Amino acid sequence: MKLSGDLRKKESYNLEPENYYETRKTTDILLSLEVIFFTFATAISGL
């Protein structure tokens, strides 16, 4: 049980402000990829 508690603590560290911008950057990249894919799919289905 102590081990799972340590793992949970590690996960919460990932949400600390110092990692916020890194996470934000990844999210932005994923979102832009999604937008590009959606636009691409819309263009193909529109042809």
PDB file of N, CA and C in Angstrom:
ATOM      1  N   MET A   1       0.833  -1.206   0.000  1.00  0.00           N
ATOM      2  CA  MET A   1       0.000   0.000   0.000  1.00  0.00           C
ATOM      3  C   MET A   1       0.867   1.255   0.000  1.00  0.00           C
ATOM      4  N   LYS A   2       2.017   1.165   0.677  1.00  0.00           N
ATOM      5  CA  LYS A   2       2.909   2.330   0.734  1.00  0.00           C
ATOM      6  C   LYS A   2       3.402   2.675  -0.679  1.00  0.00           C
ATOM      7  N   LEU A   3       3.647   1.630  -1.468  1.00  0.00           N
ATOM      8  CA  LEU A   3       4.159   1.838  -2.820  1.00  0.00           C
ATOM      9  C   LEU A   3       3.157   2.615  -3.670  1.00  0.00           C
ATOM     10  N   SER A   4       1.882   2.210  -3.617  1.00  0.00           N
ATOM     11  CA  SER A   4       0.868   2.905  -4.414  1.00  0.00           C
ATOM     12  C   SER A   4       0.725   4.352  -3.952  1.00  0.00           C
ATOM     13  N   GLY A   5       0.931   4.587  -2.668  1.00  0.00           N
ATOM     14  CA  GLY A   5       0.885   5.953  -2.150  1.00  0.00           C
ATOM     15  C   GLY A   5       2.015   6.777  -2.739  1.00  0.00           C
ATOM     16  N   ASP A   6       3.204   6.157  -2.856  1.00  0.00           N
ATOM     17  CA  ASP A   6       4.349   6.854  -3.448  1.00  0.00           C
ATOM     18  C   ASP A   6       4.081   7.167  -4.921  1.00  0.00           C
ATOM     19  N   LEU A   7       3.458   6.213  -5.612  1.00  0.00           N
ATOM     20  CA  LEU A   7       3.153   6.421  -7.028  1.00  0.00           C
ATOM     21  C   LEU A   7       2.167   7.564  -7.196  1.00  0.00           C
ATOM     22  N   ARG A   8       1.187   7.615  -6.296  1.00  0.00           N
ATOM     23  CA  ARG A   8       0.192   8.685  -6.365  1.00  0.00           C
ATOM     24  C   ARG A   8       0.858  10.033  -6.127  1.00  0.00           C
ATOM     25  N   LYS A   9       1.825  10.036  -5.214  1.00  0.00           N
ATOM     26  CA  LYS A   9       2.537  11.280  -4.910  1.00  0.00           C
ATOM     27  C   LYS A   9       3.303  11.739  -6.157  1.00  0.00           C
ATOM     28  N   LYS A  10       3.924  10.776  -6.845  1.00  0.00           N
ATOM     29  CA  LYS A  10       4.683  11.099  -8.054  1.00  0.00           C
ATOM     30  C   LYS A  10       3.769  11.697  -9.114  1.00  0.00           C
ATOM     31  N   GLU A  11       2.568  11.119  -9.251  1.00  0.00           N
ATOM     32  CA  GLU A  11       1.619  11.621 -10.242  1.00  0.00           C
ATOM     33  C   GLU A  11       1.234  13.059  -9.943  1.00  0.00           C
ATOM     34  N   SER A  12       1.026  13.361  -8.664  1.00  0.00           N
ATOM     35  CA  SER A  12       0.628  14.719  -8.294  1.00  0.00           C
ATOM     36  C   SER A  12       1.780  15.698  -8.539  1.00  0.00           C
ATOM     37  N   TYR A  13       3.020  15.208  -8.467  1.00  0.00           N
ATOM     38  CA  TYR A  13       4.166  16.081  -8.749  1.00  0.00           C
ATOM     39  C   TYR A  13       4.133  16.544 -10.206  1.00  0.00           C
ATOM     40  N   ASN A  14       3.577  15.700 -11.084  1.00  0.00           N
ATOM     41  CA  ASN A  14       3.498  16.059 -12.498  1.00  0.00           C
ATOM     42  C   ASN A  14       2.582  17.255 -12.729  1.00  0.00           C
ATOM     43  N   LEU A  15       1.707  17.530 -11.764  1.00  0.00           N
ATOM     44  CA  LEU A  15       0.773  18.647 -11.902  1.00  0.00           C
ATOM     45  C   LEU A  15       1.311  19.913 -11.252  1.00  0.00           C
ATOM     46  N   GLU A  16       2.528  19.832 -10.716  1.00  0.00           N
ATOM     47  CA  GLU A  16       3.134  21.005 -10.077  1.00  0.00           C
ATOM     48  C   GLU A  16       3.420  22.076 -11.134  1.00  0.00           C
ATOM     49  N   PRO A  17       3.418  23.354 -10.743  1.00  0.00           N
ATOM     50  CA  PRO A  17       3.624  24.470 -11.675  1.00  0.00           C
ATOM     51  C   PRO A  17       4.863  24.332 -12.560  1.00  0.00           C
ATOM     52  N   GLU A  18       5.947  23.744 -12.033  1.00  0.00           N
ATOM     53  CA  GLU A  18       7.175  23.682 -12.832  1.00  0.00           C
ATOM     54  C   GLU A  18       6.984  22.830 -14.082  1.00  0.00           C
ATOM     55  N   ASN A  19       6.053  21.884 -14.042  1.00  0.00           N
ATOM     56  CA  ASN A  19       5.794  21.044 -15.210  1.00  0.00           C
ATOM     57  C   ASN A  19       4.583  21.531 -15.999  1.00  0.00           C
ATOM     58  N   TYR A  20       3.960  22.607 -15.508  1.00  0.00           N
ATOM     59  CA  TYR A  20       2.717  23.081 -16.127  1.00  0.00           C
ATOM     60  C   TYR A  20       2.943  23.490 -17.579  1.00  0.00           C
ATOM     61  N   TYR A  21       4.001  24.253 -17.823  1.00  0.00           N
ATOM     62  CA  TYR A  21       4.239  24.759 -19.173  1.00  0.00           C
ATOM     63  C   TYR A  21       4.588  23.631 -20.136  1.00  0.00           C
ATOM     64  N   GLU A  22       5.314  22.623 -19.631  1.00  0.00           N
ATOM     65  CA  GLU A  22       5.665  21.482 -20.462  1.00  0.00           C
ATOM     66  C   GLU A  22       4.397  20.737 -20.868  1.00  0.00           C
ATOM     67  N   THR A  23       3.509  20.528 -19.894  1.00  0.00           N
ATOM     68  CA  THR A  23       2.244  19.845 -20.160  1.00  0.00           C
ATOM     69  C   THR A  23       1.408  20.666 -21.127  1.00  0.00           C
ATOM     70  N   ARG A  24       1.396  21.963 -20.912  1.00  0.00           N
ATOM     71  CA  ARG A  24       0.627  22.878 -21.743  1.00  0.00           C
ATOM     72  C   ARG A  24       1.113  22.815 -23.195  1.00  0.00           C
ATOM     73  N   LYS A  25       2.450  22.755 -23.353  1.00  0.00           N
ATOM     74  CA  LYS A  25       3.040  22.700 -24.683  1.00  0.00           C
ATOM     75  C   LYS A  25       2.586  21.427 -25.409  1.00  0.00           C
ATOM     76  N   THR A  26       2.623  20.301 -24.686  1.00  0.00           N
ATOM     77  CA  THR A  26       2.211  19.022 -25.258  1.00  0.00           C
ATOM     78  C   THR A  26       0.744  19.067 -25.655  1.00  0.00           C
ATOM     79  N   THR A  27      -0.079  19.650 -24.790  1.00  0.00           N
ATOM     80  CA  THR A  27      -1.514  19.752 -25.067  1.00  0.00           C
ATOM     81  C   THR A  27      -1.753  20.593 -26.311  1.00  0.00           C
ATOM     82  N   ASP A  28      -1.026  21.697 -26.433  1.00  0.00           N
ATOM     83  CA  ASP A  28      -1.177  22.574 -27.596  1.00  0.00           C
ATOM     84  C   ASP A  28      -0.797  21.844 -28.879  1.00  0.00           C
ATOM     85  N   ILE A  29       0.282  21.055 -28.818  1.00  0.00           N
ATOM     86  CA  ILE A  29       0.724  20.294 -29.989  1.00  0.00           C
ATOM     87  C   ILE A  29      -0.349  19.290 -30.390  1.00  0.00           C
ATOM     88  N   LEU A  30      -0.891  18.576 -29.391  1.00  0.00           N
ATOM     89  CA  LEU A  30      -1.927  17.581 -29.668  1.00  0.00           C
ATOM     90  C   LEU A  30      -3.173  18.238 -30.246  1.00  0.00           C
ATOM     91  N   LEU A  31      -3.534  19.399 -29.705  1.00  0.00           N
ATOM     92  CA  LEU A  31      -4.722  20.108 -30.188  1.00  0.00           C
ATOM     93  C   LEU A  31      -4.533  20.569 -31.627  1.00  0.00           C
ATOM     94  N   SER A  32      -3.354  21.102 -31.940  1.00  0.00           N
ATOM     95  CA  SER A  32      -3.108  21.583 -33.296  1.00  0.00           C
ATOM     96  C   SER A  32      -3.094  20.417 -34.285  1.00  0.00           C
ATOM     97  N   LEU A  33      -2.565  19.259 -33.851  1.00  0.00           N
ATOM     98  CA  LEU A  33      -2.589  18.070 -34.705  1.00  0.00           C
ATOM     99  C   LEU A  33      -4.026  17.651 -34.974  1.00  0.00           C
ATOM    100  N   GLU A  34      -4.858  17.726 -33.923  1.00  0.00           N
ATOM    101  CA  GLU A  34      -6.268  17.358 -34.051  1.00  0.00           C
ATOM    102  C   GLU A  34      -6.970  18.281 -35.042  1.00  0.00           C
ATOM    103  N   VAL A  35      -6.678  19.587 -34.933  1.00  0.00           N
ATOM    104  CA  VAL A  35      -7.288  20.576 -35.830  1.00  0.00           C
ATOM    105  C   VAL A  35      -6.858  20.319 -37.270  1.00  0.00           C
ATOM    106  N   ILE A  36      -5.561  20.044 -37.466  1.00  0.00           N
ATOM    107  CA  ILE A  36      -5.036  19.767 -38.806  1.00  0.00           C
ATOM    108  C   ILE A  36      -5.713  18.527 -39.385  1.00  0.00           C
ATOM    109  N   PHE A  37      -5.816  17.481 -38.566  1.00  0.00           N
ATOM    110  CA  PHE A  37      -6.438  16.235 -39.018  1.00  0.00           C
ATOM    111  C   PHE A  37      -7.902  16.461 -39.384  1.00  0.00           C
ATOM    112  N   PHE A  38      -8.606  17.209 -38.533  1.00  0.00           N
ATOM    113  CA  PHE A  38     -10.030  17.480 -38.766  1.00  0.00           C
ATOM    114  C   PHE A  38     -10.225  18.268 -40.062  1.00  0.00           C
ATOM    115  N   THR A  39      -9.375  19.277 -40.262  1.00  0.00           N
ATOM    116  CA  THR A  39      -9.444  20.092 -41.478  1.00  0.00           C
ATOM    117  C   THR A  39      -9.174  19.231 -42.706  1.00  0.00           C
ATOM    118  N   PHE A  40      -8.168  18.363 -42.588  1.00  0.00           N
ATOM    119  CA  PHE A  40      -7.790  17.457 -43.672  1.00  0.00           C
ATOM    120  C   PHE A  40      -8.952  16.526 -44.012  1.00  0.00           C
ATOM    121  N   ALA A  41      -9.560  15.941 -42.975  1.00  0.00           N
ATOM    122  CA  ALA A  41     -10.676  15.012 -43.164  1.00  0.00           C
ATOM    123  C   ALA A  41     -11.874  15.720 -43.793  1.00  0.00           C
ATOM    124  N   THR A  42     -12.120  16.948 -43.357  1.00  0.00           N
ATOM    125  CA  THR A  42     -13.237  17.731 -43.901  1.00  0.00           C
ATOM    126  C   THR A  42     -12.994  18.038 -45.380  1.00  0.00           C
ATOM    127  N   ALA A  43     -11.764  18.386 -45.708  1.00  0.00           N
ATOM    128  CA  ALA A  43     -11.415  18.709 -47.094  1.00  0.00           C
ATOM    129  C   ALA A  43     -11.591  17.482 -47.987  1.00  0.00           C
ATOM    130  N   ILE A  44     -11.177  16.317 -47.498  1.00  0.00           N
ATOM    131  CA  ILE A  44     -11.291  15.079 -48.280  1.00  0.00           C
ATOM    132  C   ILE A  44     -12.761  14.720 -48.494  1.00  0.00           C
ATOM    133  N   SER A  45     -13.558  14.807 -47.438  1.00  0.00           N
ATOM    134  CA  SER A  45     -14.976  14.441 -47.553  1.00  0.00           C
ATOM    135  C   SER A  45     -15.735  15.462 -48.395  1.00  0.00           C
ATOM    136  N   GLY A  46     -15.195  16.668 -48.508  1.00  0.00           N
ATOM    137  CA  GLY A  46     -15.841  17.715 -49.298  1.00  0.00           C
ATOM    138  C   GLY A  46     -15.581  17.566 -50.787  1.00  0.00           C
ATOM    139  N   LEU A  47     -14.567  16.786 -51.152  1.00  0.00           N
ATOM    140  CA  LEU A  47     -14.208  16.639 -52.564  1.00  0.00           C
ATOM    141  C   LEU A  47     -15.224  15.799 -53.327  1.00  0.00           C
TER     142      LEU A  47
END
